Protein backbone atom coordinates (compact mmCIF):
# COMPACT_ATOMS: atom_id res chain seq x y z
CA MET A 1 -12.83 8.85 13.04
CA SER A 2 -12.18 6.44 10.15
CA LYS A 3 -9.13 4.23 9.99
CA THR A 4 -6.20 5.16 7.81
CA TYR A 5 -4.01 2.62 6.05
CA ARG A 6 -0.66 2.55 4.28
CA LEU A 7 0.02 0.16 1.39
CA TYR A 8 3.13 -2.02 1.52
CA CYS A 9 4.51 -4.12 -1.33
CA ARG A 10 7.07 -6.89 -1.73
CA THR A 11 8.55 -8.22 -4.96
CA PRO A 12 9.68 -11.86 -5.26
CA GLY A 13 13.31 -11.05 -4.42
CA ASP A 14 12.55 -8.82 -1.43
CA ARG A 15 12.76 -10.03 2.16
CA ARG A 16 10.65 -7.19 3.57
CA PHE A 17 7.62 -5.18 2.60
CA LYS A 18 8.25 -1.54 1.68
CA PRO A 19 5.76 1.35 1.76
CA VAL A 20 4.36 2.49 -1.59
CA ASP A 21 3.94 5.90 -3.21
CA TRP A 22 0.75 5.10 -5.15
CA ASN A 23 0.91 8.18 -7.39
CA GLY A 24 4.54 7.58 -8.32
CA GLY A 25 4.11 3.82 -8.58
CA THR A 26 7.26 3.17 -6.55
CA GLN A 27 8.36 1.72 -3.26
CA VAL A 28 9.78 4.32 -0.89
CA THR A 29 12.17 4.21 2.07
CA ASN A 30 10.83 7.29 3.85
CA LEU A 31 7.25 7.06 5.20
CA ILE A 32 6.62 10.75 4.49
CA TYR A 33 6.36 9.81 0.78
CA ALA A 34 4.03 6.83 1.25
CA THR A 35 0.39 7.26 0.25
CA LEU A 36 -2.32 7.03 2.91
CA PHE A 37 -5.71 5.43 2.18
CA ASN A 38 -9.07 5.45 3.95
CA GLN A 39 -11.21 2.31 4.33
CA ASP A 40 -13.29 2.94 1.18
CA GLU A 41 -10.15 3.34 -0.93
CA VAL A 42 -8.66 0.16 0.54
CA ASP A 43 -11.79 -1.81 -0.36
CA GLN A 44 -11.74 -0.47 -3.93
CA LEU A 45 -8.03 -1.17 -4.39
CA ARG A 46 -8.39 -4.74 -3.15
CA ARG A 47 -11.23 -5.42 -5.59
CA VAL A 48 -9.88 -3.76 -8.71
CA ASP A 49 -6.32 -2.47 -8.90
CA LEU A 50 -4.35 -4.95 -6.84
CA ALA A 51 -6.06 -7.90 -8.52
CA HIS A 52 -4.82 -6.77 -11.96
CA PRO A 53 -2.82 -9.49 -13.79
CA ASP A 54 0.19 -7.18 -14.13
CA ASN A 55 0.49 -7.25 -10.33
CA SER A 56 0.39 -11.04 -10.00
CA HIS A 57 4.09 -11.26 -9.10
CA LEU A 58 3.76 -8.65 -6.31
CA GLU A 59 2.58 -9.23 -2.76
CA PHE A 60 0.56 -6.40 -1.21
CA GLU A 61 -0.39 -5.66 2.37
CA PHE A 62 -2.42 -2.85 3.94
CA ARG A 63 -1.32 -1.84 7.43
CA PRO A 64 -3.23 0.46 9.77
CA VAL A 65 -1.58 3.78 10.56
CA THR A 66 -1.52 5.20 14.07
CA MET A 67 -2.10 8.94 13.82
CA LYS A 68 -0.93 11.22 16.60
CA GLU A 69 -3.20 14.08 17.49
């Protein structure tokens, strides 16, 4: 089973990271709305999208998700 990750983001004025709804382009407070990523998607996002100059002021972090079965 492959690992699943959730993307968190923090802006310069934030004290904490917040989960991200990738499709909506927003930070969310409820995890049900946060986008989940597999390892291949995480690798691609790190190389291309998160390195974009428009995101230079943001701090991103991928955290592994523990899935209950």
